[in-house]
Protein backbone atom coordinates (compact mmCIF):
# COMPACT_ATOMS: atom_id res chain seq x y z
CA UNK A 1 -51.25 221.02 64.57
CA UNK A 2 -51.82 218.84 61.51
CA UNK A 3 -52.31 220.46 58.22
CA UNK A 4 -56.04 219.92 58.25
CA UNK A 5 -56.23 222.78 60.59
CA UNK A 6 -55.08 226.33 59.68
CA UNK A 7 -54.42 228.90 62.32
CA UNK A 8 -56.03 232.09 61.26
CA UNK A 9 -55.55 235.64 62.59
CA UNK A 10 -58.09 238.16 61.36
CA UNK A 11 -57.59 241.63 62.94
CA UNK A 12 -56.07 239.88 66.13
CA UNK A 13 -58.89 237.31 66.34
CA UNK A 14 -57.15 234.03 66.38
CA UNK A 15 -58.95 230.78 65.61
CA UNK A 16 -58.54 227.54 63.82
CA UNK A 17 -60.28 226.52 60.61
CA UNK A 18 -60.65 223.00 59.30
CA UNK A 19 -59.62 223.13 55.66
CA UNK A 20 -61.49 219.94 54.96
CA UNK A 21 -64.86 221.53 55.59
CA UNK A 22 -65.86 223.77 52.70
CA UNK A 23 -68.33 225.96 54.52
CA UNK A 24 -67.75 228.69 57.06
CA UNK A 25 -66.28 227.03 60.18
CA UNK A 26 -63.94 228.04 63.15
CA UNK A 27 -62.80 226.95 66.57
CA UNK A 28 -62.10 229.96 68.66
CA UNK A 29 -59.07 230.41 70.99
CA UNK A 30 -58.87 232.82 74.01
CA UNK A 31 -57.10 235.42 71.85
CA UNK A 32 -58.55 238.54 70.11
CA UNK A 33 -61.53 239.43 72.36
CA UNK A 34 -62.58 242.31 74.41
CA UNK A 35 -63.04 240.59 77.83
CA UNK A 36 -60.77 242.16 80.41
CA UNK A 37 -61.07 240.07 83.65
CA UNK A 38 -57.80 238.02 83.94
CA UNK A 39 -59.45 234.58 84.00
CA UNK A 40 -61.71 235.53 81.16
CA UNK A 41 -59.29 237.39 78.92
CA UNK A 42 -59.77 237.96 76.21
CA UNK A 43 -62.02 235.98 73.81
CA UNK A 44 -64.52 234.68 76.37
CA UNK A 45 -67.69 233.40 74.75
CA UNK A 46 -69.57 232.37 77.98
CA UNK A 47 -72.53 234.52 79.04
CA UNK A 48 -72.84 233.26 82.55
CA UNK A 49 -69.39 233.54 83.88
CA UNK A 50 -69.53 237.02 85.31
CA UNK A 51 -68.29 238.79 82.14
CA UNK A 52 -69.72 242.04 80.98
CA UNK A 53 -72.55 241.04 78.56
CA UNK A 54 -71.61 243.92 76.27
CA UNK A 55 -68.13 242.58 75.93
CA UNK A 56 -69.29 238.99 75.36
CA UNK A 57 -71.53 240.35 72.59
CA UNK A 58 -68.53 242.15 71.14
CA UNK A 59 -66.56 238.91 71.15
CA UNK A 60 -69.35 237.18 69.17
CA UNK A 61 -69.34 240.06 66.72
CA UNK A 62 -65.54 239.82 66.22
CA UNK A 63 -65.82 235.99 65.78
CA UNK A 64 -68.48 236.37 63.10
CA UNK A 65 -66.57 238.92 61.32
CA UNK A 66 -63.46 236.82 61.35
CA UNK A 67 -65.02 233.42 60.38
CA UNK A 68 -67.65 234.90 58.05
CA UNK A 69 -71.06 234.58 59.62
CA UNK A 70 -73.71 237.04 60.99
CA UNK A 71 -73.44 236.77 64.89
CA UNK A 72 -77.18 237.62 64.98
CA UNK A 73 -77.98 234.23 63.40
CA UNK A 74 -76.49 231.91 66.09
CA UNK A 75 -78.55 229.35 67.81
CA UNK A 76 -77.23 228.50 71.41
CA UNK A 77 -77.14 225.47 73.68
CA UNK A 78 -77.33 225.19 77.46
CA UNK A 79 -75.13 222.19 77.30
CA UNK A 80 -76.31 219.86 79.84
CA UNK A 81 -73.94 216.99 79.22
CA UNK A 82 -76.60 215.00 77.37
CA UNK A 83 -76.68 213.14 74.09
CA UNK A 84 -79.43 215.35 72.72
CA UNK A 85 -79.04 216.83 69.19
CA UNK A 86 -81.71 219.17 68.00
CA UNK A 87 -82.69 220.03 64.39
CA UNK A 88 -82.93 223.94 64.17
CA UNK A 89 -84.28 226.31 61.54
CA UNK A 90 -84.58 230.02 60.88
CA UNK A 91 -87.16 230.52 63.75
CA UNK A 92 -84.67 229.07 66.28
CA UNK A 93 -82.16 231.82 65.60
CA UNK A 94 -81.12 233.69 68.83
CA UNK A 95 -82.76 231.12 70.96
CA UNK A 96 -81.13 228.83 73.65
CA UNK A 97 -82.00 225.13 74.00
CA UNK A 98 -81.28 222.39 76.59
CA UNK A 99 -79.24 220.20 74.43
CA UNK A 100 -75.61 219.60 73.41
CA UNK A 101 -75.83 219.59 69.68
CA UNK A 102 -77.45 220.94 66.70
CA UNK A 103 -77.99 220.03 62.98
CA UNK A 104 -79.43 222.18 60.17
CA UNK A 105 -80.07 222.27 56.49
CA UNK A 106 -80.97 225.98 56.46
CA UNK A 107 -78.49 228.47 54.97
CA UNK A 108 -77.16 231.17 57.37
CA UNK A 109 -78.45 229.37 60.57
CA UNK A 110 -75.20 229.51 62.61
CA UNK A 111 -74.53 226.58 64.99
CA UNK A 112 -72.31 227.13 68.05
CA UNK A 113 -71.13 224.95 70.90
CA UNK A 114 -69.05 226.03 73.76
CA UNK A 115 -66.04 224.16 75.33
CA UNK A 116 -63.10 224.54 77.89
CA UNK A 117 -61.64 221.06 77.63
CA UNK A 118 -64.66 219.02 76.36
CA UNK A 119 -64.64 217.89 72.71
CA UNK A 120 -65.95 220.30 69.98
CA UNK A 121 -67.15 218.47 66.93
CA UNK A 122 -68.25 219.98 63.63
CA UNK A 123 -69.90 217.94 60.99
CA UNK A 124 -70.40 218.75 57.28
CA UNK A 125 -71.76 217.32 54.09
CA UNK A 126 -73.43 219.05 51.14
CA UNK A 127 -76.54 220.79 52.37
CA UNK A 128 -76.28 219.69 56.00
CA UNK A 129 -74.07 220.84 58.96
CA UNK A 130 -73.80 219.78 62.75
CA UNK A 131 -72.14 220.88 65.87
CA UNK A 132 -71.65 218.92 68.95
CA UNK A 133 -70.38 219.55 72.59
CA UNK A 134 -69.05 216.26 73.64
CA UNK A 135 -68.29 216.05 77.27
CA UNK A 136 -67.37 212.53 78.52
CA UNK A 137 -70.97 211.73 79.48
CA UNK A 138 -72.20 212.87 76.04
CA UNK A 139 -69.40 211.07 74.34
CA UNK A 140 -70.18 207.78 76.25
CA UNK A 141 -73.97 208.25 75.49
CA UNK A 142 -73.19 208.51 71.71
CA UNK A 143 -73.93 212.15 71.02
CA UNK A 144 -71.63 212.07 68.00
CA UNK A 145 -73.63 209.07 66.56
CA UNK A 146 -76.91 210.98 67.23
CA UNK A 147 -75.62 213.93 65.17
CA UNK A 148 -74.99 211.61 62.36
CA UNK A 149 -78.38 210.09 62.70
CA UNK A 150 -79.99 213.48 62.62
CA UNK A 151 -78.01 214.54 59.58
CA UNK A 152 -79.15 211.34 57.82
CA UNK A 153 -82.72 212.35 58.40
CA UNK A 154 -82.09 215.42 56.43
CA UNK A 155 -80.63 213.51 53.48
CA UNK A 156 -76.99 213.16 54.40
CA UNK A 157 -75.05 209.85 53.58
CA UNK A 158 -72.79 208.96 56.57
CA UNK A 159 -69.91 207.96 54.27
CA UNK A 160 -69.83 211.53 52.79
CA UNK A 161 -69.93 213.41 56.19
CA UNK A 162 -66.68 215.24 56.97
CA UNK A 163 -65.94 215.77 60.77
CA UNK A 164 -63.58 218.23 62.42
CA UNK A 165 -62.64 217.62 66.01
CA UNK A 166 -61.19 220.68 67.59
CA UNK A 167 -58.71 221.26 70.35
CA UNK A 168 -59.73 219.62 73.70
CA UNK A 169 -58.17 217.94 76.65
CA UNK A 170 -56.06 214.97 75.49
CA UNK A 171 -55.09 211.86 77.19
CA UNK A 172 -51.69 213.42 78.25
CA UNK A 173 -53.72 215.48 80.79
CA UNK A 174 -57.16 213.80 81.12
CA UNK A 175 -56.64 211.82 84.35
CA UNK A 176 -59.84 210.07 85.41
CA UNK A 177 -61.02 208.03 88.27
CA UNK A 178 -62.50 204.56 88.89
CA UNK A 179 -66.20 205.91 88.85
CA UNK A 180 -65.44 207.34 85.36
CA UNK A 181 -64.06 204.10 84.10
CA UNK A 182 -66.86 202.00 85.64
CA UNK A 183 -69.45 204.24 83.91
CA UNK A 184 -67.66 203.90 80.60
CA UNK A 185 -67.50 200.07 80.92
CA UNK A 186 -71.24 199.90 81.71
CA UNK A 187 -72.21 202.25 78.74
CA UNK A 188 -69.82 201.02 76.16
CA UNK A 189 -68.58 197.59 77.21
CA UNK A 190 -65.24 196.81 78.83
CA UNK A 191 -63.46 195.82 75.78
CA UNK A 192 -64.45 198.75 73.76
CA UNK A 193 -63.82 201.34 76.40
CA UNK A 194 -60.49 199.82 77.52
CA UNK A 195 -59.08 200.76 74.01
CA UNK A 196 -59.29 204.47 75.06
CA UNK A 197 -58.18 204.13 78.64
CA UNK A 198 -54.44 204.10 79.54
CA UNK A 199 -52.92 203.23 82.91
CA UNK A 200 -49.74 204.93 84.09
CA UNK A 201 -48.75 203.65 87.42
CA UNK A 202 -51.53 204.23 89.83
CA UNK A 203 -53.24 206.83 87.54
CA UNK A 204 -55.70 206.32 84.68
CA UNK A 205 -56.08 208.45 81.67
CA UNK A 206 -58.75 208.56 78.99
CA UNK A 207 -58.43 209.57 75.23
CA UNK A 208 -61.65 211.29 74.42
CA UNK A 209 -60.52 212.14 70.89
CA UNK A 210 -59.86 208.53 69.89
CA UNK A 211 -63.17 207.49 71.72
CA UNK A 212 -65.16 210.00 69.62
CA UNK A 213 -63.35 209.03 66.41
CA UNK A 214 -64.22 205.38 66.80
CA UNK A 215 -67.67 205.98 67.67
CA UNK A 216 -68.04 208.14 64.51
CA UNK A 217 -66.66 205.41 62.40
CA UNK A 218 -69.18 202.91 64.01
CA UNK A 219 -71.88 205.52 62.93
CA UNK A 220 -70.78 205.17 59.33
CA UNK A 221 -68.43 208.06 58.94
CA UNK A 222 -65.23 207.10 56.96
CA UNK A 223 -62.09 207.25 59.13
CA UNK A 224 -60.35 209.19 56.51
CA UNK A 225 -63.07 211.82 56.72
CA UNK A 226 -62.41 212.52 60.42
CA UNK A 227 -59.86 215.33 61.09
CA UNK A 228 -58.57 215.91 64.53
CA UNK A 229 -56.60 218.80 66.19
CA UNK A 230 -53.44 217.83 67.76
CA UNK A 231 -53.71 220.51 70.44
CA UNK A 232 -54.56 219.71 74.11
CA UNK A 233 -56.20 222.68 75.79
CA UNK A 234 -54.80 221.77 79.22
CA UNK A 235 -51.36 221.76 77.86
CA UNK A 236 -51.82 225.01 76.09
CA UNK A 237 -53.70 227.13 78.48
CA UNK A 238 -52.12 230.37 77.13
CA UNK A 239 -53.85 229.70 73.82
CA UNK A 240 -57.04 227.95 75.10
CA UNK A 241 -59.44 228.10 78.04
CA UNK A 242 -58.96 224.92 80.08
CA UNK A 243 -61.22 223.99 83.01
CA UNK A 244 -58.73 221.66 84.42
CA UNK A 245 -55.67 223.85 84.10
CA UNK A 246 -57.37 226.84 85.63
CA UNK A 247 -59.09 224.62 88.35
CA UNK A 248 -62.45 225.92 87.04
CA UNK A 249 -61.92 229.64 86.90
CA UNK A 250 -61.89 230.36 83.16
CA UNK A 251 -63.84 231.66 80.20
CA UNK A 252 -65.08 229.41 77.35
CA UNK A 253 -64.40 229.11 73.56
CA UNK A 254 -66.87 228.08 70.85
CA UNK A 255 -66.89 226.17 67.68
CA UNK A 256 -69.00 227.59 64.85
CA UNK A 257 -70.39 226.31 61.54
CA UNK A 258 -72.89 227.48 58.97
CA UNK A 259 -73.89 226.61 55.46
């Protein structure tokens, strides 16, 4: 883990905080929660995975207490693997929307996105924050750039935005098929997409971290303002939930940010 991310342990709740973002933020792990089913144990933050809702609520309470936000103030996504980023305010607290990202300029509105291999992205500049769930489809459809655009509408300057990319599946483990590559070539252009695709014998792997990083730079974010976790969720499935490592039987983590 690079020194832009600190591993915190607050009363057993283990999460990572990006030190470059000077507002409450955190990327959860699978440690420190109340969930008891083996595949959900223990900090499962997914509400539709067969977990006891009371335990999931307790997990959110523990995360809020650890990171420093009121768990009652969270706005939730349904996460439909889109490139949709929604502006939310106080009246949206507690609601769930069909989108994969949020921005806000309202104090105490807590943004949250859930992952279990996909890329969690938190964005910050003075007075504006954003949170994005970037699966490969959302990544290719420029959800990270859309988040920057929405922040600009609220007065942000792209060159002043700081971005934290949390633990996700890395190119060491993210093997993809020809359909994936064809779609990426079509959406982004072969030359651009090829920079983030690596062939190893008969297999092909994609680097979602470098892909999101380059697309953020194209959106105006300074490269030196983008901070990436070194951790691969699939390689470290004892610390993180990983869809690929668990063959789909798993809980989910969440990334949180608020002003």
